[in-house]
N, C-alpha and C. Protein backbone atom coordinates (compact mmCIF):
# COMPACT_ATOMS: atom_id res chain seq x y z
N UNK A 1 15.93 81.80 13.31
CA UNK A 1 16.43 81.58 14.61
C UNK A 1 18.04 81.77 14.56
N UNK A 2 18.43 81.49 13.42
CA UNK A 2 20.00 81.75 13.31
C UNK A 2 20.20 83.38 13.66
N UNK A 3 19.67 83.88 13.05
CA UNK A 3 19.90 85.47 12.99
C UNK A 3 19.76 85.63 14.65
N UNK A 4 18.83 85.31 15.56
CA UNK A 4 18.63 85.43 17.04
C UNK A 4 19.92 85.01 17.47
N UNK A 5 20.66 83.95 16.99
CA UNK A 5 21.62 83.16 17.64
C UNK A 5 22.98 84.01 17.73
N UNK A 6 22.91 84.30 16.33
CA UNK A 6 24.13 85.46 15.95
C UNK A 6 23.94 86.80 16.93
N UNK A 7 23.02 87.20 17.14
CA UNK A 7 22.66 88.64 18.02
C UNK A 7 22.82 87.93 19.33
N UNK A 8 22.93 87.00 19.78
CA UNK A 8 22.84 86.43 21.24
C UNK A 8 21.49 86.78 22.07
N UNK A 9 20.30 86.95 21.01
CA UNK A 9 18.94 87.35 21.81
C UNK A 9 18.51 86.35 22.44
N UNK A 10 18.57 86.05 23.70
CA UNK A 10 18.03 84.67 24.35
C UNK A 10 16.99 85.18 25.08
N UNK A 11 16.45 86.11 24.91
CA UNK A 11 14.98 86.58 25.75
C UNK A 11 14.05 87.22 24.39
N UNK A 12 12.91 86.30 23.98
CA UNK A 12 12.11 86.87 22.96
C UNK A 12 10.91 87.56 23.57
N UNK A 13 10.55 88.69 23.25
CA UNK A 13 9.28 89.22 23.83
C UNK A 13 8.49 88.78 22.50
N UNK A 14 7.56 87.93 22.83
CA UNK A 14 6.61 87.47 22.05
C UNK A 14 5.16 87.91 22.19
N UNK A 15 4.95 88.94 22.64
CA UNK A 15 3.61 89.80 23.13
C UNK A 15 3.71 90.77 22.22
N UNK A 16 2.62 90.87 21.46
CA UNK A 16 2.40 91.43 20.12
C UNK A 16 1.28 91.22 19.29
N UNK A 17 0.64 92.04 18.46
CA UNK A 17 -0.49 91.88 17.83
C UNK A 17 -0.66 90.62 16.86
N UNK A 18 0.74 90.34 16.35
CA UNK A 18 0.59 89.24 15.50
C UNK A 18 0.87 87.61 16.31
N UNK A 19 0.81 87.71 17.37
CA UNK A 19 1.31 86.54 18.01
C UNK A 19 0.57 85.32 18.02
N UNK A 20 -0.85 85.66 17.79
CA UNK A 20 -1.92 84.59 17.51
C UNK A 20 -2.17 84.49 16.16
N UNK A 21 -1.49 85.12 14.97
CA UNK A 21 -1.99 84.89 13.70
C UNK A 21 -1.94 83.11 13.33
N UNK A 22 -1.04 82.52 13.80
CA UNK A 22 -1.33 81.23 13.32
C UNK A 22 -1.57 80.36 14.41
N UNK A 23 -2.32 81.05 15.40
CA UNK A 23 -3.29 80.17 16.25
C UNK A 23 -2.25 79.78 17.47
N UNK A 24 -3.14 78.71 17.83
CA UNK A 24 -2.49 78.18 19.48
C UNK A 24 -1.13 77.38 18.76
N UNK A 25 -1.37 76.52 17.85
CA UNK A 25 -0.16 76.00 17.29
C UNK A 25 0.98 76.75 17.01
N UNK A 26 0.72 77.75 16.47
CA UNK A 26 1.62 78.73 16.00
C UNK A 26 2.57 79.12 17.23
N UNK A 27 1.39 79.87 17.97
CA UNK A 27 2.12 80.47 19.41
C UNK A 27 3.07 79.29 20.27
N UNK A 28 2.77 78.17 20.36
CA UNK A 28 3.21 76.89 20.75
C UNK A 28 4.49 76.87 20.60
N UNK A 29 4.42 76.63 18.91
CA UNK A 29 5.68 76.38 18.25
C UNK A 29 6.88 77.10 18.46
N UNK A 30 6.16 78.81 18.50
CA UNK A 30 7.16 79.54 18.47
C UNK A 30 7.79 79.51 19.90
N UNK A 31 7.19 79.38 21.34
CA UNK A 31 7.79 78.74 22.59
C UNK A 31 8.66 77.83 22.54
N UNK A 32 8.09 76.49 21.69
CA UNK A 32 9.16 75.48 21.80
C UNK A 32 10.50 75.61 21.28
N UNK A 33 10.37 76.40 19.91
CA UNK A 33 11.59 76.59 19.21
C UNK A 33 12.67 77.19 20.37
N UNK A 34 11.89 78.24 21.04
CA UNK A 34 12.85 79.20 21.74
C UNK A 34 13.52 78.54 22.94
N UNK A 35 12.42 77.44 23.09
CA UNK A 35 13.27 76.51 24.24
C UNK A 35 14.40 75.57 23.71
N UNK A 36 14.28 75.14 22.73
CA UNK A 36 15.09 74.23 21.93
C UNK A 36 16.61 74.89 22.12
N UNK A 37 16.54 76.30 21.78
CA UNK A 37 17.68 77.54 21.63
C UNK A 37 18.03 77.94 22.94
N UNK A 38 17.63 77.17 24.04
CA UNK A 38 17.84 77.84 25.54
C UNK A 38 17.57 79.31 25.83
N UNK A 39 16.33 79.90 24.58
CA UNK A 39 16.12 81.14 24.97
C UNK A 39 14.56 81.32 25.62
N UNK A 40 14.03 82.26 26.13
CA UNK A 40 13.13 82.47 27.09
C UNK A 40 12.34 83.34 26.43
N UNK A 41 10.74 83.09 26.53
CA UNK A 41 9.69 83.75 25.70
C UNK A 41 9.02 84.63 26.79
N UNK A 42 8.31 85.71 26.65
CA UNK A 42 7.53 86.30 27.48
C UNK A 42 6.40 87.21 26.70
N UNK A 43 5.31 87.36 27.26
CA UNK A 43 4.28 88.16 26.84
C UNK A 43 3.26 87.82 26.20
N UNK A 44 3.19 86.30 26.05
CA UNK A 44 2.37 85.49 25.58
C UNK A 44 2.36 84.09 26.06
N UNK A 45 1.41 83.17 26.06
CA UNK A 45 1.54 82.02 26.86
C UNK A 45 0.27 81.10 26.29
N UNK A 46 0.04 79.92 26.99
CA UNK A 46 -0.88 79.23 26.47
C UNK A 46 -2.00 79.35 27.28
N UNK A 47 -1.99 80.25 28.12
CA UNK A 47 -2.85 80.64 28.95
C UNK A 47 -2.69 82.06 29.68
N UNK A 48 -3.62 82.52 30.38
CA UNK A 48 -3.60 83.97 30.69
C UNK A 48 -2.26 84.36 31.86
N UNK A 49 -2.45 83.05 32.85
CA UNK A 49 -1.22 83.17 33.84
C UNK A 49 0.01 83.23 33.12
N UNK A 50 0.46 82.39 32.39
CA UNK A 50 1.65 82.10 31.53
C UNK A 50 2.06 83.44 30.68
N UNK A 51 1.11 84.02 30.07
CA UNK A 51 1.03 85.40 29.35
C UNK A 51 1.44 86.44 30.10
N UNK A 52 0.89 86.38 31.13
CA UNK A 52 1.44 87.33 32.06
C UNK A 52 2.77 87.48 33.13
N UNK A 53 3.22 86.46 32.98
CA UNK A 53 4.52 86.20 33.98
C UNK A 53 5.88 87.24 33.33
N UNK A 54 6.42 87.82 34.40
CA UNK A 54 7.56 88.48 34.10
C UNK A 54 8.60 87.62 33.78
N UNK A 55 9.66 88.26 33.34
CA UNK A 55 11.25 87.49 33.54
C UNK A 55 11.98 88.00 33.92
N UNK A 56 12.97 87.43 34.90
CA UNK A 56 13.78 88.04 35.99
C UNK A 56 15.17 88.11 35.72
N UNK A 57 16.08 89.19 35.77
CA UNK A 57 17.27 89.01 35.45
C UNK A 57 18.02 89.64 36.85
N UNK A 58 19.26 88.86 37.14
CA UNK A 58 19.82 89.28 38.03
C UNK A 58 20.87 90.62 38.20
N UNK A 59 20.78 91.06 37.12
CA UNK A 59 21.85 92.23 36.92
C UNK A 59 21.10 93.59 37.54
N UNK A 60 22.12 94.14 38.07
CA UNK A 60 21.92 95.37 38.60
C UNK A 60 20.98 95.76 39.73
N UNK A 61 20.97 94.35 40.40
CA UNK A 61 19.88 94.70 41.86
C UNK A 61 18.75 93.96 41.50
N UNK A 62 18.71 93.25 40.34
CA UNK A 62 17.59 92.62 39.68
C UNK A 62 16.62 93.37 38.70
N UNK A 63 16.16 92.77 37.72
CA UNK A 63 15.71 93.86 36.60
C UNK A 63 14.27 92.58 36.46
N UNK A 64 13.05 93.16 36.53
CA UNK A 64 11.72 92.48 36.25
C UNK A 64 11.39 93.12 34.81
N UNK A 65 11.21 92.01 33.96
CA UNK A 65 10.61 92.57 32.59
C UNK A 65 9.19 91.96 32.52
N UNK A 66 8.33 92.99 31.88
CA UNK A 66 6.85 92.68 31.91
C UNK A 66 6.40 92.91 30.39
N UNK A 67 5.86 92.27 29.94
CA UNK A 67 5.59 92.64 28.29
C UNK A 67 3.83 92.84 28.69
N UNK A 68 3.50 94.15 27.91
CA UNK A 68 1.88 94.24 27.61
C UNK A 68 1.61 94.52 26.03
N UNK A 69 0.58 94.09 25.82
CA UNK A 69 0.06 94.49 24.19
C UNK A 69 -1.38 95.07 24.29
N UNK A 70 -1.35 95.74 23.22
CA UNK A 70 -2.51 96.48 22.76
C UNK A 70 -3.30 94.87 22.08
N UNK A 71 -4.43 94.64 22.31
CA UNK A 71 -4.91 93.53 21.81
C UNK A 71 -6.37 94.03 21.46
N UNK A 72 -6.84 94.02 19.90
CA UNK A 72 -7.96 94.13 19.61
C UNK A 72 -9.29 93.40 20.17
N UNK A 73 -10.60 93.88 20.75
CA UNK A 73 -11.43 93.16 21.08
C UNK A 73 -11.78 92.01 20.57
N UNK A 74 -11.69 91.75 19.15
CA UNK A 74 -12.04 90.74 18.39
C UNK A 74 -10.93 89.51 18.68
N UNK A 75 -9.64 90.12 18.96
CA UNK A 75 -8.28 88.88 19.41
C UNK A 75 -8.57 88.29 20.68
N UNK A 76 -9.19 89.23 21.66
CA UNK A 76 -8.91 88.80 23.08
C UNK A 76 -9.64 87.26 23.47
N UNK A 77 -8.60 86.44 23.97
CA UNK A 77 -9.69 85.07 24.18
C UNK A 77 -10.83 85.33 25.04
N UNK A 78 -11.37 84.22 24.92
CA UNK A 78 -13.11 84.22 25.86
C UNK A 78 -12.63 83.56 27.07
N UNK A 79 -11.87 83.02 27.56
CA UNK A 79 -11.15 82.21 28.87
C UNK A 79 -9.92 82.51 29.09
N UNK A 80 -9.60 82.47 30.25
CA UNK A 80 -8.34 82.56 31.06
C UNK A 80 -7.50 81.33 30.39
N UNK A 81 -8.03 80.38 29.86
CA UNK A 81 -7.18 79.08 29.93
C UNK A 81 -6.94 78.70 28.32
N UNK A 82 -7.38 79.78 27.56
CA UNK A 82 -6.87 79.64 26.09
C UNK A 82 -5.62 80.62 26.12
N UNK A 83 -5.13 80.24 24.70
CA UNK A 83 -3.60 80.75 24.52
C UNK A 83 -4.22 82.34 24.37
N UNK A 84 -3.07 82.91 24.92
CA UNK A 84 -3.14 84.39 25.55
C UNK A 84 -2.19 85.55 25.10
N UNK A 85 -2.31 86.74 24.79
CA UNK A 85 -1.33 87.75 24.88
C UNK A 85 -1.65 88.36 26.47
N UNK A 86 -0.67 88.98 26.97
CA UNK A 86 -1.12 89.80 27.90
C UNK A 86 -1.23 91.33 27.78
N UNK A 87 -2.47 91.78 27.97
CA UNK A 87 -3.22 92.68 27.30
C UNK A 87 -2.89 94.10 28.01
N UNK A 88 -2.65 94.97 27.81
CA UNK A 88 -2.43 96.34 28.46
C UNK A 88 -3.60 96.82 28.95
N UNK A 89 -4.89 96.20 29.05
CA UNK A 89 -6.04 96.62 29.55
C UNK A 89 -6.56 95.79 30.88
N UNK A 90 -5.60 95.05 31.13
CA UNK A 90 -5.63 94.29 32.41
C UNK A 90 -5.02 94.57 33.99
N UNK A 91 -5.47 96.05 33.84
CA UNK A 91 -5.11 96.73 35.16
C UNK A 91 -4.66 96.13 36.43
N UNK A 92 -5.85 95.35 36.97
CA UNK A 92 -5.63 94.75 38.20
C UNK A 92 -4.49 93.57 38.13
N UNK A 93 -4.14 93.10 37.09
CA UNK A 93 -3.11 91.98 36.75
C UNK A 93 -1.42 92.85 36.65
N UNK A 94 -1.85 94.00 35.98
CA UNK A 94 -0.53 94.57 35.87
C UNK A 94 -0.09 95.16 36.98
N UNK A 95 -1.25 95.77 37.86
CA UNK A 95 -0.68 96.35 39.10
C UNK A 95 0.06 95.14 39.98
N UNK A 96 -0.61 94.09 40.23
CA UNK A 96 -0.15 92.98 40.92
C UNK A 96 1.27 92.88 40.43
N UNK A 97 1.35 92.47 38.94
CA UNK A 97 2.79 92.07 38.48
C UNK A 97 3.53 92.90 38.62
N UNK A 98 3.68 94.44 38.61
CA UNK A 98 4.53 95.44 38.82
C UNK A 98 4.81 95.20 40.46
N UNK A 99 3.87 95.28 41.22
CA UNK A 99 4.31 95.14 42.63
C UNK A 99 4.89 93.77 42.82
N UNK A 100 4.85 92.72 42.21
CA UNK A 100 5.53 91.62 42.45
C UNK A 100 6.81 92.12 41.91
N UNK A 101 7.19 92.16 40.87
CA UNK A 101 8.37 92.44 40.42
C UNK A 101 9.23 93.31 41.32
N UNK A 102 8.60 94.60 41.65
CA UNK A 102 9.42 95.66 43.02
C UNK A 102 9.78 94.86 44.32
N UNK A 103 9.06 94.00 44.73
CA UNK A 103 9.14 93.14 45.56
C UNK A 103 10.15 92.48 45.43
N UNK A 104 10.78 91.85 44.48
CA UNK A 104 12.00 90.98 43.93
C UNK A 104 13.26 91.93 43.49
N UNK A 105 12.91 92.90 42.86
CA UNK A 105 13.98 93.41 41.93
C UNK A 105 13.96 94.90 42.39
N UNK A 106 15.32 95.62 42.03
CA UNK A 106 15.18 96.92 42.03
C UNK A 106 14.76 97.87 40.92
N UNK A 107 14.46 97.29 39.58
CA UNK A 107 13.92 97.91 38.45
C UNK A 107 13.07 97.18 38.03
N UNK A 108 12.00 97.62 37.42
CA UNK A 108 10.93 96.90 36.83
C UNK A 108 10.77 97.74 35.40
N UNK A 109 11.08 97.25 34.04
CA UNK A 109 10.97 97.49 32.99
C UNK A 109 9.48 96.96 32.31
N UNK A 110 9.02 97.86 31.75
CA UNK A 110 7.53 97.61 31.04
C UNK A 110 7.95 97.55 29.53
N UNK A 111 7.71 96.35 28.81
CA UNK A 111 8.11 96.34 27.48
C UNK A 111 6.76 96.26 26.77
N UNK A 112 6.23 97.27 25.99
CA UNK A 112 4.78 97.67 25.58
C UNK A 112 4.89 97.45 24.14
N UNK A 113 3.95 96.61 23.46
CA UNK A 113 3.74 96.60 22.26
C UNK A 113 2.46 97.26 21.72
N UNK A 114 2.67 98.89 21.49
CA UNK A 114 1.30 99.43 21.54
C UNK A 114 1.69 100.93 20.61
N UNK A 115 0.84 101.76 20.48
CA UNK A 115 0.77 102.89 19.76
C UNK A 115 0.42 103.08 18.58
N UNK A 116 0.30 103.93 18.11
CA UNK A 116 -0.31 104.29 16.65
C UNK A 116 0.70 104.08 15.46
N UNK A 117 0.32 103.39 14.60
CA UNK A 117 1.39 103.09 13.78
C UNK A 117 1.69 104.48 12.59
N UNK A 118 3.09 104.27 12.44
CA UNK A 118 3.63 105.44 11.50
C UNK A 118 3.25 106.88 11.88
N UNK A 119 2.98 107.02 13.01
CA UNK A 119 2.92 108.18 13.83
C UNK A 119 4.06 108.44 14.60
N UNK A 120 5.03 109.78 14.05
CA UNK A 120 6.01 110.08 14.91
C UNK A 120 6.18 110.47 16.16
N UNK A 121 4.89 110.92 16.99
CA UNK A 121 4.82 111.04 18.24
C UNK A 121 3.88 110.19 18.75
N UNK A 122 3.88 110.03 19.92
CA UNK A 122 3.03 109.57 20.61
C UNK A 122 1.52 110.10 20.99
N UNK A 123 0.65 109.42 20.89
CA UNK A 123 -0.64 109.75 21.20
C UNK A 123 -1.00 110.16 22.65
N UNK A 124 -1.60 111.00 22.60
CA UNK A 124 -2.14 111.40 24.36
C UNK A 124 -2.69 110.36 25.15
N UNK A 125 -3.20 109.34 24.50
CA UNK A 125 -3.85 108.20 24.83
C UNK A 125 -2.42 107.12 25.36
N UNK A 126 -1.84 107.10 24.37
CA UNK A 126 -0.74 105.88 24.74
C UNK A 126 0.61 106.81 25.82
N UNK A 127 0.56 108.24 25.98
CA UNK A 127 1.35 108.78 26.88
C UNK A 127 0.65 108.60 28.41
N UNK A 128 -0.83 108.91 28.31
CA UNK A 128 -1.45 108.71 29.67
C UNK A 128 -1.15 106.94 30.05
N UNK A 129 -1.51 106.23 29.26
CA UNK A 129 -1.22 104.80 29.57
C UNK A 129 0.27 104.52 30.25
N UNK A 130 1.20 105.01 29.65
CA UNK A 130 2.84 104.69 29.58
C UNK A 130 3.04 105.35 31.22
N UNK A 131 2.18 106.62 31.57
CA UNK A 131 2.62 107.31 32.46
C UNK A 131 1.92 106.55 33.99
N UNK A 132 0.80 105.97 33.71
CA UNK A 132 0.00 105.11 34.52
C UNK A 132 0.90 103.99 34.77
N UNK A 133 1.73 103.42 34.05
CA UNK A 133 2.57 102.19 34.47
C UNK A 133 3.66 102.77 35.59
N UNK A 134 4.02 103.98 35.07
CA UNK A 134 4.96 104.40 35.89
C UNK A 134 4.35 104.54 37.41
N UNK A 135 3.19 105.05 37.29
CA UNK A 135 2.69 105.55 38.63
C UNK A 135 2.55 104.30 39.54
N UNK A 136 2.09 103.36 38.81
CA UNK A 136 2.02 101.87 39.51
C UNK A 136 3.03 101.25 40.03
N UNK A 137 4.47 101.80 39.88
CA UNK A 137 5.73 101.39 40.26
C UNK A 137 6.74 100.83 39.20
N UNK A 138 6.49 100.99 37.84
CA UNK A 138 7.46 100.64 36.74
C UNK A 138 8.43 101.58 36.94
N UNK A 139 9.66 101.67 36.18
CA UNK A 139 10.88 102.31 36.20
C UNK A 139 10.97 103.01 35.10
N UNK A 140 10.84 101.83 34.16
CA UNK A 140 11.03 102.16 32.59
C UNK A 140 9.95 101.65 31.75
N UNK A 141 9.28 102.43 30.56
CA UNK A 141 8.69 101.63 29.65
C UNK A 141 9.00 101.82 28.33
N UNK A 142 9.26 100.73 27.63
CA UNK A 142 10.18 100.73 26.46
C UNK A 142 8.70 100.22 25.38
N UNK A 143 8.47 100.96 24.94
CA UNK A 143 7.45 100.54 23.66
C UNK A 143 7.85 100.38 22.24
N UNK A 144 7.21 100.08 21.43
CA UNK A 144 7.28 99.54 20.03
C UNK A 144 6.09 99.17 19.45
N UNK A 145 5.90 99.17 18.05
CA UNK A 145 5.06 98.78 17.59
C UNK A 145 4.52 99.92 16.48
N UNK A 146 4.85 100.87 16.40
CA UNK A 146 4.52 102.31 15.49
C UNK A 146 5.22 102.30 14.20
N UNK A 147 6.11 100.99 14.18
CA UNK A 147 7.06 101.09 12.75
C UNK A 147 7.97 102.06 12.62
N UNK A 148 7.83 103.28 13.55
CA UNK A 148 9.05 104.21 13.45
C UNK A 148 9.28 104.69 14.87
N UNK A 149 10.59 105.23 14.93
CA UNK A 149 11.12 105.62 16.23
C UNK A 149 10.18 106.87 16.69
N UNK A 150 9.88 107.13 17.81
CA UNK A 150 9.18 108.20 18.54
C UNK A 150 10.05 108.88 19.94
N UNK A 151 9.73 109.93 20.07
CA UNK A 151 10.73 110.54 21.33
C UNK A 151 10.32 109.63 22.77
N UNK A 152 11.22 110.11 23.64
CA UNK A 152 11.08 109.95 24.99
C UNK A 152 11.13 110.67 25.92
N UNK A 153 11.06 110.31 27.11
CA UNK A 153 10.83 111.38 28.42
C UNK A 153 11.61 110.78 29.39
N UNK A 154 12.64 111.63 30.13
CA UNK A 154 13.01 111.41 31.46
C UNK A 154 12.93 111.99 32.54
N UNK A 155 12.61 111.53 33.53
CA UNK A 155 11.93 112.30 34.77
C UNK A 155 12.85 112.11 35.88
N UNK A 156 12.38 113.33 36.58
CA UNK A 156 13.48 113.96 37.33
C UNK A 156 13.28 112.68 38.57
N UNK A 157 12.53 111.53 38.90
CA UNK A 157 12.83 110.65 39.86
C UNK A 157 13.52 109.42 39.35
N UNK A 158 14.28 109.59 38.08
CA UNK A 158 14.92 108.70 37.46
C UNK A 158 14.17 107.58 36.64
N UNK A 159 12.94 107.84 36.59
CA UNK A 159 12.13 106.90 35.47
C UNK A 159 12.21 107.38 34.20
N UNK A 160 11.93 106.75 33.18
CA UNK A 160 11.93 106.92 31.76
C UNK A 160 10.83 106.30 31.02
N UNK A 161 10.27 106.73 29.50
CA UNK A 161 9.36 106.45 28.75
C UNK A 161 10.64 106.39 27.44
N UNK A 162 10.36 105.37 26.62
CA UNK A 162 10.79 105.40 25.44
C UNK A 162 9.48 105.01 24.68
N UNK A 163 8.92 105.89 23.88
CA UNK A 163 7.43 105.64 23.32
C UNK A 163 7.62 104.85 22.43
N UNK A 164 8.55 104.66 21.42
CA UNK A 164 8.93 103.97 20.04
C UNK A 164 10.20 103.26 19.64
N UNK A 165 10.59 102.21 19.72
CA UNK A 165 11.98 101.93 19.26
C UNK A 165 11.95 101.76 17.90
N UNK A 166 10.82 101.66 17.24
CA UNK A 166 10.66 101.46 15.81
C UNK A 166 9.68 100.47 15.53
């Protein structure tokens, strides 16, 4: 937390494949620590609804941040009322959340924890998925998870995909 404070990191994207490694107690503890330091979390929550909630920023005409995560089948909760990570497979909810963000904000930014580890180029599967988020109305997709930086694409309509920050 001290490192985050020094960085002035007040928004924590906790949607990732390790968010549930310490179970519900660990997830809840992370969220409570963030609150103690006046930080906001997104991408995971104590139920599916909380996990899918975007963050809204007032800058630049409004920015909505939505976190999506690749989750293996064995890690997915059985019910919507269990601690949850917002899965990149929940297309109906993703489409609804993007539309919700766009109704309130100028920009919709998807922060996506996915992609193949240690691969310097995004897979076709990942690219297709990120393109679909743009088609649904997102303006920018920022990927992370591969543990290496990957390329980016800028489109004529002003949209962008950054496949992996590292």
